[in-house]
């Protein structure tokens, strides 16, 4: 009886080992198959908004990329605001939807999507934004070295601001405006982009022709006394503040300049406003912790569709909702043109750029 039980047990052990080996082999084959099926991406183009459909009607940021780069492969993306689009050259485009929360959620969803290998991808975030008339003109393209969050702060209603304060926005962990935090705060207020890559993108695009229209000339002519605002569109390096609040006005513009210096250092220069980039960068840095993306391969481009405070003689209330010259289309075109110039260089030099990020020669 004992010998029979021993033989049965031995048989069960052998069967278990055989089944386990088979399961391991099946799992390994599935993993290999899954890995081989993963689509390698060379460049991710990040846009933020679209008008209506993604092709065939009034163009937003997304449509120009889909139509002009023949991003004919559509991937259902239920976790995002729009489906994803890609071409055979390795360019994958996403439209996050407007606002910090939409951008964060969309980039996290893409970064964890098992269909794509994003480990070597460059990220070109390209969209329109407001511009500081102290530094830029309408249609100007600004490559950022610093992305700063403009939402993470204390705020006091304007009717209750102490008389000695210029504005009622206080850093987390501070006691008054424009003061370094001495108490609790968070570590996602500022992101520093790869300066070598930013310099390369700027040098590559600094002479790129940008549209200048009669409507743009007429609008910027109101900014008498602001020489940079009076210039035709140009390309420069400057920094951007993202916030879900569409803030506006000269006093808040002063806050933005102070806020940028406080968090990104005195060598920074606030030039553009946006409503998504701090969310996108937060998601990308989380994904980088899991080795899914490389944050040294991220570029942020904002092109100026409107100014962040009114011209002399106009009120902030008027300026906040004033129509953009040409409905902002020259800035949308600039975001595509400058962004695509960089994308095409990355693609043409992929044998090199796959392994080494570009730099100025």
Foldseek 3Di string as FASTA:
>chain_A
DVVVVVVVVVVVVVVVVVVVVVVVVVVVVVVVVLVVQAAEAAAEEEAADADDDLDDDDGFLRNCCCPVVVQPDWADQVQAPDTWTHDPLRYIYDHQYAFAVSLLSHLLSVLPPSNHQALLYFYEYFHAFAWALLAAAAQAKAWEQKEFEPPQWDADPPVPDPPVALHGTPHPQDDHALDDHPGDGDDLGMDGEQVQLSVVLCVLCQPPDADDDPLRQVQLVLQPPRVRHNDGYGYYYAHEYAARDLAAADSVVVSVQSRCCSPVNPVHGYTTYGRHDSSNVVNQVVSVVVSRYDRNRYIYMYGHQAHRHHHPPDHRVCRSPPAGRVNSVSRSVSSCVSSVSVVVVCSVPVVPSSVPPDGDD
